[in-house]
Protein backbone atom coordinates (compact mmCIF):
# COMPACT_ATOMS: atom_id res chain seq x y z
CA MET A 1 22.30 8.12 0.48
CA TYR A 2 21.94 4.69 -1.77
CA ARG A 3 20.20 5.33 -5.37
CA VAL A 4 16.84 4.17 -6.03
CA SER A 5 15.80 0.99 -8.49
CA SER A 6 14.68 2.59 -11.49
CA PHE A 7 11.45 -0.16 -11.68
CA VAL A 8 9.56 2.31 -8.89
CA PRO A 9 9.32 5.35 -11.44
CA ARG A 10 8.37 2.84 -14.23
CA PHE A 11 5.59 1.50 -11.31
CA ALA A 12 4.34 5.03 -10.69
CA LYS A 13 4.06 5.98 -14.68
CA ALA A 14 2.38 2.45 -15.44
CA LEU A 15 -0.50 3.86 -12.88
CA ILE A 16 -0.85 6.97 -13.93
CA GLY A 17 -1.02 5.57 -17.62
CA GLY A 18 -3.91 3.47 -17.20
CA ALA A 19 -5.46 5.52 -14.67
CA ALA A 20 -5.31 8.55 -17.46
CA LEU A 21 -6.85 5.75 -20.06
CA ALA A 22 -9.73 4.22 -17.64
CA THR A 23 -10.56 8.22 -16.79
CA LEU A 24 -10.75 9.25 -20.60
CA TRP A 25 -12.73 6.19 -20.88
CA VAL A 26 -15.72 6.15 -18.22
CA ASN A 27 -16.39 9.92 -19.42
CA LEU A 28 -16.48 8.79 -23.16
CA ALA A 29 -18.61 6.05 -22.93
CA PRO A 30 -18.99 4.92 -18.97
CA ALA A 31 -21.37 2.01 -19.77
CA SER A 32 -18.67 0.20 -22.09
CA TYR A 33 -16.14 0.59 -19.13
CA TYR A 34 -18.08 -0.70 -16.51
CA ASP A 35 -19.21 -3.56 -18.63
CA SER A 36 -15.89 -4.49 -19.15
CA ILE A 37 -14.11 -4.08 -16.18
CA GLU A 38 -17.48 -5.91 -14.24
CA TRP A 39 -17.44 -8.63 -17.16
CA ARG A 40 -17.86 -11.70 -15.48
CA LEU A 41 -15.26 -14.27 -17.04
CA VAL A 42 -16.26 -17.55 -14.64
CA ASP A 43 -18.41 -18.00 -11.46
CA LEU A 44 -16.94 -20.34 -9.26
CA PRO A 45 -18.85 -22.90 -6.85
CA LEU A 46 -16.69 -23.00 -3.94
CA PRO A 47 -18.27 -24.37 -0.80
CA GLY A 48 -19.28 -22.87 1.84
CA TRP A 49 -17.45 -23.37 4.33
CA ILE A 50 -14.25 -21.61 2.27
CA VAL A 51 -16.57 -18.57 1.24
CA PRO A 52 -19.82 -17.74 2.40
CA LEU A 53 -21.34 -16.04 -0.96
CA PRO A 54 -20.83 -16.60 -4.15
CA VAL A 55 -17.66 -15.65 -6.03
CA SER A 56 -17.38 -14.53 -9.57
CA LEU A 57 -14.25 -13.63 -11.40
CA THR A 58 -14.19 -9.98 -12.99
CA PRO A 59 -10.94 -7.75 -14.02
CA LEU A 60 -12.47 -5.64 -11.30
CA ASN A 61 -11.74 -8.31 -8.78
CA LEU A 62 -8.61 -10.18 -10.00
CA VAL A 63 -6.41 -7.68 -10.70
CA ALA A 64 -7.35 -5.87 -7.53
CA ASP A 65 -7.62 -8.94 -4.70
CA ALA A 66 -4.84 -11.11 -6.80
CA ALA A 67 -2.52 -9.22 -8.78
CA MET A 68 -2.33 -6.37 -6.54
CA SER A 69 -1.32 -8.70 -3.23
CA LEU A 70 1.93 -9.08 -5.83
CA PHE A 71 2.59 -5.57 -5.21
CA LEU A 72 1.87 -5.54 -1.63
CA PHE A 73 3.92 -8.12 -1.21
CA PHE A 74 6.87 -6.46 -3.08
CA ILE A 75 6.76 -3.34 -0.49
CA GLY A 76 6.23 -5.35 2.49
CA LYS A 77 9.16 -6.96 1.55
CA GLU A 78 11.20 -3.73 1.61
CA LEU A 79 8.88 -2.66 5.77
CA TRP A 80 10.06 -6.02 6.59
CA GLU A 81 13.57 -5.30 5.94
CA ALA A 82 13.59 -2.50 7.99
CA LEU A 83 12.32 -3.45 10.85
CA ARG A 84 14.21 -7.09 11.02
CA LEU A 85 17.38 -7.03 8.90
CA GLU A 86 20.99 -5.31 10.08
CA HIS A 87 21.06 -1.36 9.14
CA GLY A 88 17.22 -1.30 8.37
CA ALA A 89 15.91 1.73 9.09
CA LEU A 90 12.96 0.20 11.40
CA LYS A 91 15.08 -1.00 13.86
CA GLY A 92 15.31 -0.09 17.43
CA ARG A 93 14.86 3.66 18.80
CA GLN A 94 15.03 4.63 15.08
CA ALA A 95 11.85 3.40 14.86
CA LEU A 96 10.03 5.67 16.97
CA LEU A 97 10.13 8.92 14.55
CA PRO A 98 8.91 7.19 11.63
CA ALA A 99 5.96 5.18 13.31
CA GLY A 100 4.77 8.37 15.57
CA LEU A 101 4.46 10.20 11.74
CA THR A 102 2.72 6.99 10.42
CA LEU A 103 0.60 6.60 12.94
CA GLY A 104 -0.39 10.68 13.24
CA GLY A 105 -1.42 10.88 9.78
CA ILE A 106 -3.83 8.10 10.00
CA ALA A 107 -4.86 9.20 13.24
CA GLY A 108 -5.10 12.70 11.64
CA ALA A 109 -7.33 11.58 8.40
CA ALA A 110 -9.51 9.65 10.05
CA LEU A 111 -10.71 12.18 12.49
CA MET A 112 -10.55 15.04 9.62
CA TRP A 113 -12.96 12.64 7.24
CA ILE A 114 -15.41 12.34 10.97
CA LEU A 115 -15.39 15.88 11.68
CA VAL A 116 -15.77 16.91 7.83
CA GLY A 117 -17.98 14.35 6.71
CA SER A 118 -20.86 14.93 10.06
CA LEU A 119 -20.83 18.51 8.67
CA ILE A 120 -21.25 18.27 5.23
CA GLU A 121 -22.14 15.04 4.36
CA THR A 122 -25.59 14.52 2.40
CA ALA A 123 -25.53 11.22 0.82
CA GLU A 124 -28.73 9.37 2.39
CA GLU A 125 -27.13 6.11 2.60
CA ALA A 126 -24.31 7.82 4.53
CA GLY A 127 -24.09 7.30 8.73
CA PHE A 128 -21.52 8.89 11.08
CA ALA A 129 -18.03 8.54 10.30
CA THR A 130 -19.23 6.18 7.44
CA GLY A 131 -16.08 5.76 5.58
CA TRP A 132 -13.87 6.93 7.73
CA GLN A 133 -11.00 4.31 6.21
CA VAL A 134 -10.86 5.63 2.60
CA PRO A 135 -8.39 8.31 3.49
CA LEU A 136 -5.81 6.19 5.89
CA GLY A 137 -3.55 5.02 2.76
CA SER A 138 -1.15 6.80 0.98
CA ASP A 139 0.47 5.99 -2.55
CA VAL A 140 4.07 4.43 -2.54
CA VAL A 141 5.54 5.21 -5.97
CA LEU A 142 3.39 8.13 -7.12
CA CYS A 143 5.04 9.98 -3.71
CA PHE A 144 8.21 8.31 -4.68
CA LEU A 145 8.10 10.22 -8.32
CA ILE A 146 7.24 13.50 -6.50
CA GLY A 147 9.77 13.37 -3.75
CA ARG A 148 11.98 12.80 -6.20
CA ALA A 149 11.62 15.42 -8.33
CA VAL A 150 11.43 17.70 -4.92
CA PHE A 151 14.74 16.21 -3.01
CA GLY A 152 16.65 14.58 -5.88
CA PRO A 153 17.68 10.89 -6.30
CA GLY A 154 20.26 11.27 -3.14
CA HIS A 155 18.33 13.20 -0.17
CA PRO A 156 17.47 11.15 2.69
CA ALA A 157 14.26 12.92 3.02
CA LEU A 158 13.28 10.68 0.05
CA HIS A 159 14.26 7.36 1.84
CA LEU A 160 12.34 8.71 5.15
CA LEU A 161 9.74 9.51 2.44
CA LEU A 162 9.39 6.10 1.23
CA LEU A 163 9.55 4.45 4.20
CA LEU A 164 6.57 6.30 5.88
CA SER A 165 4.12 5.37 2.52
CA ILE A 166 5.13 2.13 2.61
CA ALA A 167 4.14 1.89 6.73
CA THR A 168 1.37 3.80 6.09
CA ASP A 169 -0.26 1.64 2.73
CA ILE A 170 0.02 -1.66 4.50
CA LEU A 171 -0.80 -0.19 7.84
CA ALA A 172 -4.43 1.43 6.40
CA LEU A 173 -5.09 -2.19 4.57
CA LEU A 174 -4.95 -3.52 7.74
CA ILE A 175 -7.27 -1.32 9.94
CA SER A 176 -9.70 -0.76 6.82
CA GLY A 177 -10.09 -5.16 6.93
CA LEU A 178 -10.15 -5.54 10.13
CA THR A 179 -12.57 -2.63 10.67
CA GLN A 180 -15.17 -3.53 7.73
CA PRO A 181 -18.73 -4.05 9.19
CA ALA A 182 -19.19 -6.22 6.03
CA VAL A 183 -16.60 -8.66 6.35
CA SER A 184 -17.12 -11.57 8.45
CA LEU A 185 -14.04 -12.60 10.04
CA ARG A 186 -13.82 -16.61 10.15
CA LEU A 187 -10.05 -16.35 11.85
CA VAL A 188 -9.93 -20.31 11.56
CA TRP A 189 -8.59 -19.86 8.13
CA LEU A 190 -5.44 -17.50 9.47
CA LEU A 191 -3.99 -20.92 10.72
CA LEU A 192 -3.37 -21.85 6.90
CA PRO A 193 -1.19 -18.93 6.56
CA LEU A 194 0.90 -19.41 10.06
CA VAL A 195 0.96 -22.91 9.23
CA ALA A 196 2.49 -22.33 5.94
CA ALA A 197 4.95 -19.81 7.02
CA LEU A 198 5.97 -21.94 9.92
CA ALA A 199 6.58 -24.82 7.78
CA THR A 200 8.28 -23.07 5.36
CA TRP A 201 10.84 -21.25 7.69
CA THR A 202 11.27 -24.61 9.57
CA LEU A 203 12.30 -26.49 6.10
CA PHE A 204 13.62 -24.19 3.60
CA GLY A 205 13.96 -20.49 5.53
CA ARG A 206 16.33 -21.18 8.30
CA THR A 207 19.73 -20.57 7.23
CA PRO A 208 21.09 -24.03 7.27
CA ASP A 209 23.98 -25.36 9.31
CA PRO A 210 27.20 -24.84 8.27
CA THR A 211 27.79 -28.89 8.56
CA ALA A 212 24.54 -29.50 7.18
CA PRO A 213 24.62 -31.80 3.87
CA GLU A 214 24.33 -29.60 0.47
CA THR A 215 21.23 -30.71 -0.19
CA ARG A 216 20.05 -29.04 2.44
CA ARG A 217 21.55 -26.39 1.90
CA GLN A 218 20.73 -26.01 -1.81
CA SER A 219 16.99 -26.67 -0.77
CA SER A 220 16.90 -23.57 1.39
CA ARG A 221 17.96 -21.42 -2.49
CA ARG A 222 14.93 -22.55 -4.27
CA LEU A 223 12.14 -20.63 -5.12
CA LEU A 224 9.33 -22.74 -5.55
CA PRO A 225 8.39 -23.86 -2.28
CA TYR A 226 8.52 -20.05 -0.86
CA VAL A 227 5.73 -19.67 -4.34
CA ILE A 228 3.28 -22.66 -2.65
CA ALA A 229 3.03 -21.03 0.51
CA CYS A 230 2.18 -17.89 -0.83
CA LEU A 231 -0.37 -19.40 -2.59
CA LEU A 232 -1.41 -21.54 0.67
CA SER A 233 -1.17 -17.90 3.08
CA TRP A 234 -3.10 -15.80 0.23
CA ILE A 235 -6.08 -19.06 0.13
CA GLY A 236 -6.34 -18.56 4.04
CA VAL A 237 -5.92 -14.51 4.12
CA ALA A 238 -8.79 -14.52 1.61
CA ALA A 239 -11.25 -16.66 3.06
CA SER A 240 -11.08 -15.15 6.19
CA GLY A 241 -12.38 -12.14 5.18
CA LEU A 242 -9.69 -9.98 5.39
CA PRO A 243 -8.40 -8.23 2.26
CA PRO A 244 -6.94 -11.16 -0.04
CA VAL A 245 -4.64 -7.83 -1.06
CA LEU A 246 -2.88 -8.98 2.13
CA GLY A 247 -2.57 -12.38 1.77
CA LEU A 248 1.13 -12.84 0.95
CA LEU A 249 2.22 -10.89 3.99
CA PRO A 250 2.67 -13.33 6.17
CA VAL A 251 5.18 -15.72 4.67
CA ILE A 252 7.69 -13.24 4.30
CA PRO A 253 9.39 -13.75 7.44
CA ALA A 254 9.49 -17.18 6.46
CA ILE A 255 11.58 -16.71 3.24
CA ALA A 256 15.21 -17.09 3.40
CA HIS A 257 16.92 -13.05 2.84
CA ALA A 258 20.09 -11.48 3.13
CA ASP A 259 21.71 -10.42 6.05
CA ARG A 260 21.37 -6.56 5.53
CA SER A 261 19.41 -4.17 4.48
CA PHE A 262 20.98 -1.91 1.52
CA GLY A 263 17.88 0.45 1.81
CA LEU A 264 14.24 0.79 0.89
CA PHE A 265 14.26 -0.75 -3.08
CA ALA A 266 18.17 -0.23 -3.57
CA GLU A 267 19.56 -0.35 -6.79
CA ALA A 268 22.69 -2.65 -4.67
CA GLU A 269 19.94 -5.42 -4.18
CA GLU A 270 19.84 -6.40 -7.61
CA LEU A 271 23.01 -7.91 -7.44
CA LEU A 272 21.66 -10.33 -4.22
CA HIS A 273 20.90 -14.09 -4.57
CA ASP A 274 18.67 -14.83 -1.74
CA PRO A 275 15.56 -16.18 -2.26
CA LEU A 276 13.29 -13.32 -1.07
CA ASN A 277 15.52 -10.72 -3.21
CA ARG A 278 14.99 -13.15 -6.37
CA LEU A 279 11.54 -13.37 -5.47
CA ALA A 280 10.99 -9.55 -5.63
CA HIS A 281 13.19 -9.45 -8.93
CA ALA A 282 11.57 -11.54 -10.53
CA LEU A 283 7.93 -9.10 -9.94
CA ALA A 284 9.93 -5.79 -11.02
CA TRP A 285 8.51 -6.14 -14.60
CA PRO A 286 5.21 -7.29 -13.76
CA LEU A 287 4.05 -5.28 -11.45
CA THR A 288 4.59 -2.67 -14.35
CA GLY A 289 1.83 -4.26 -15.84
CA VAL A 290 -0.36 -5.09 -12.71
CA LEU A 291 0.02 -1.72 -12.02
CA PHE A 292 -1.29 -0.28 -14.93
CA LEU A 293 -4.26 -2.71 -14.97
CA PHE A 294 -5.07 -1.66 -11.98
CA GLY A 295 -5.05 2.11 -12.79
CA LEU A 296 -7.12 0.82 -15.83
CA THR A 297 -10.06 -1.21 -13.67
CA ARG A 298 -9.80 1.27 -10.39
CA GLY A 299 -8.56 4.40 -11.72
CA GLY A 300 -11.56 5.78 -13.89
CA VAL A 301 -12.71 8.78 -12.66
CA ASP A 302 -15.86 10.26 -13.19
CA LEU A 303 -15.14 13.96 -13.50
CA SER A 304 -19.22 14.86 -12.87
CA ALA A 305 -19.07 13.32 -9.45
CA PHE A 306 -18.74 15.98 -7.56
CA ALA A 307 -20.06 15.70 -3.82
CA PRO A 308 -19.75 16.97 -0.46
CA THR A 309 -18.11 12.94 -0.37
CA THR A 310 -15.52 14.60 -2.58
CA LEU A 311 -14.91 17.49 -0.45
CA THR A 312 -14.48 15.56 3.10
CA THR A 313 -12.20 13.11 1.03
CA LEU A 314 -9.60 16.32 0.13
CA ALA A 315 -9.99 17.76 3.69
CA ALA A 316 -8.96 14.18 4.97
CA LEU A 317 -5.94 14.06 3.23
CA TRP A 318 -5.04 17.64 2.70
CA LEU A 319 -5.80 19.01 6.05
CA GLY A 320 -5.71 15.84 8.43
CA ARG A 321 -2.71 13.69 7.06
CA PRO A 322 -0.58 16.72 7.29
CA LEU A 323 -1.89 18.33 10.93
CA GLY A 324 -1.79 14.50 11.70
CA MET A 325 1.67 14.11 11.22
CA ILE A 326 3.22 17.25 12.21
CA LEU A 327 1.11 17.44 15.66
CA ILE A 328 1.23 13.50 16.70
CA GLY A 329 4.34 12.94 15.33
CA LEU A 330 6.67 15.27 15.68
CA GLY A 331 5.11 16.25 19.16
CA LEU A 332 5.95 12.74 19.79
CA ALA A 333 9.50 13.52 18.67
CA ALA A 334 9.85 16.50 20.62
CA ALA A 335 8.22 14.69 24.14
CA LEU A 336 10.66 12.18 23.39
CA GLY A 337 13.94 14.08 22.38
CA LEU A 338 14.04 12.40 18.83
CA ARG A 339 16.51 13.59 16.26
CA LEU A 340 15.60 13.90 12.57
CA PRO A 341 17.54 11.18 10.61
CA ALA A 342 20.59 13.07 9.35
CA GLY A 343 20.66 15.45 6.49
CA VAL A 344 16.83 15.80 7.19
CA THR A 345 15.68 19.39 8.34
CA LEU A 346 12.26 19.93 9.58
CA ARG A 347 11.66 21.84 6.10
CA ASP A 348 12.39 18.53 4.78
CA VAL A 349 9.36 17.06 7.15
CA LEU A 350 7.01 19.49 6.51
CA ARG A 351 7.76 18.90 2.68
CA ILE A 352 7.33 15.24 3.18
CA THR A 353 4.08 15.93 4.69
CA LEU A 354 2.74 18.18 1.64
CA ILE A 355 3.51 14.80 -0.41
CA MET A 356 2.04 12.47 1.59
CA ALA A 357 -1.44 14.34 1.28
CA MET A 358 -1.65 12.64 -1.95
CA GLY A 359 -3.59 9.16 -1.68
CA PHE A 360 -4.46 6.74 -4.26
CA THR A 361 -3.63 3.46 -4.96
CA VAL A 362 -4.94 1.98 -1.30
CA PRO A 363 -7.55 4.39 -0.86
CA VAL A 364 -8.82 3.24 -4.11
CA LEU A 365 -8.70 -0.12 -2.79
CA SER A 366 -10.67 0.91 0.02
CA LEU A 367 -13.66 2.26 -1.42
CA ALA A 368 -15.31 -1.14 -2.63
CA THR A 369 -15.80 -1.81 1.08
CA ALA A 370 -15.85 1.78 3.11
CA LEU A 371 -18.55 3.04 1.24
CA PRO A 372 -21.61 2.10 0.09
CA GLY A 373 -23.28 3.04 -3.50
CA GLY A 374 -22.07 3.87 -6.67
CA ALA A 375 -22.45 7.70 -6.13
CA MET A 376 -20.23 7.97 -2.93
CA GLN A 377 -17.82 5.76 -4.50
CA GLU A 378 -17.58 7.95 -7.54
CA ALA A 379 -17.13 11.41 -5.59
CA ALA A 380 -14.58 9.54 -3.32
CA ARG A 381 -12.73 8.78 -6.39
CA LEU A 382 -12.93 11.75 -7.70
CA GLY A 383 -11.32 13.57 -4.68
CA LEU A 384 -8.81 11.11 -4.25
CA ALA A 385 -7.54 11.86 -7.69
CA LEU A 386 -7.88 15.86 -6.94
CA SER A 387 -5.79 15.37 -3.95
CA LEU A 388 -2.69 14.27 -6.37
CA LEU A 389 -2.67 18.11 -7.00
CA ALA A 390 -0.61 17.97 -3.67
CA GLY A 391 2.39 16.47 -5.59
CA PRO A 392 2.63 19.63 -7.96
CA ALA A 393 1.75 21.84 -5.04
CA ALA A 394 5.32 20.48 -3.40
CA LEU A 395 7.31 20.45 -6.31
CA LEU A 396 6.07 24.79 -7.05
CA LEU A 397 7.08 25.10 -3.28
CA ALA A 398 10.63 23.45 -3.56
CA SER A 399 11.22 25.36 -6.96
CA ARG A 400 10.77 28.27 -5.10
CA ARG A 401 12.70 26.91 -2.13
CA LEU A 402 10.26 27.54 0.83
């Protein structure tokens, strides 16, 4: 098992620190907290053909929509390498088991939300299945932090856990963006990221011919063209009505990259100098600040917000996701005769399902569009915070060798 870079636990600590500070702030001085994160920095007079509604920049949306797109780029790069590069963990038949576990966990969380919500939800603004997108995602950095303590830094189950949490988070955001009734998709804007990616790949991203001039080979290693393409892609995704946080993902396949994968967040990749890895390495320290700010602006938990939505959230994450992963993921594995990755046991998979019962970063991103009204959102946010208790439960079970 390869060594995972040290920046991943640093991300988790930054996120927890920001959320802890926000929770203290929102419970001691809620008016001050909400005034600060929703402070209108500037109103953008954008024409209606770009954005149909007025846009105001606030700390809340700057962090969630713009800065967090860098984090999605960071983890999206890892998923793409696992799918595409030599020795990638999701190449060919190897993808079937992780795909089944990922889809099973998402389906189980959504169905449990709908079932429990229809039985106990009392909010007047809630309709049938309102907010089912909230529990779909997990939390890459917190899952890694707990997983490393449960399995140890060199266990192959930690690699599987990282793979599942990354795939779950990206797929959850895509589903959430495509199913929000309040989003008016203007799909013509998606031509912008498509053109940006194709042009970048054609001009810079393709491996140059060995006989090509030195200037052509040098141009493929420059970062500025990729940065410009990422900016254009983000604008196109945001204007289309999809979540802006997904805006940088379309460009990832167009960026010149290494020939093989060394593993998810592998420490060995810090020695590589291809543009994709250089961009990722350049983001490692800034993302520590981004995740702290995300915790500060989106992670404040009102401890008095308990409501039926809180229980619905916990049921979806603590019951729905593990059951979905076991019944659908392992059921598919048994039906197709799939084997677990080398060094991973069934007990390890069950521990992974428990760790992935935590949900925070991506579910919090989904709250604003998936749920109406402040009360339901705050009740769900409390449920997401309580779901993190699945982490200590996994540690307790591991210490007792269960």
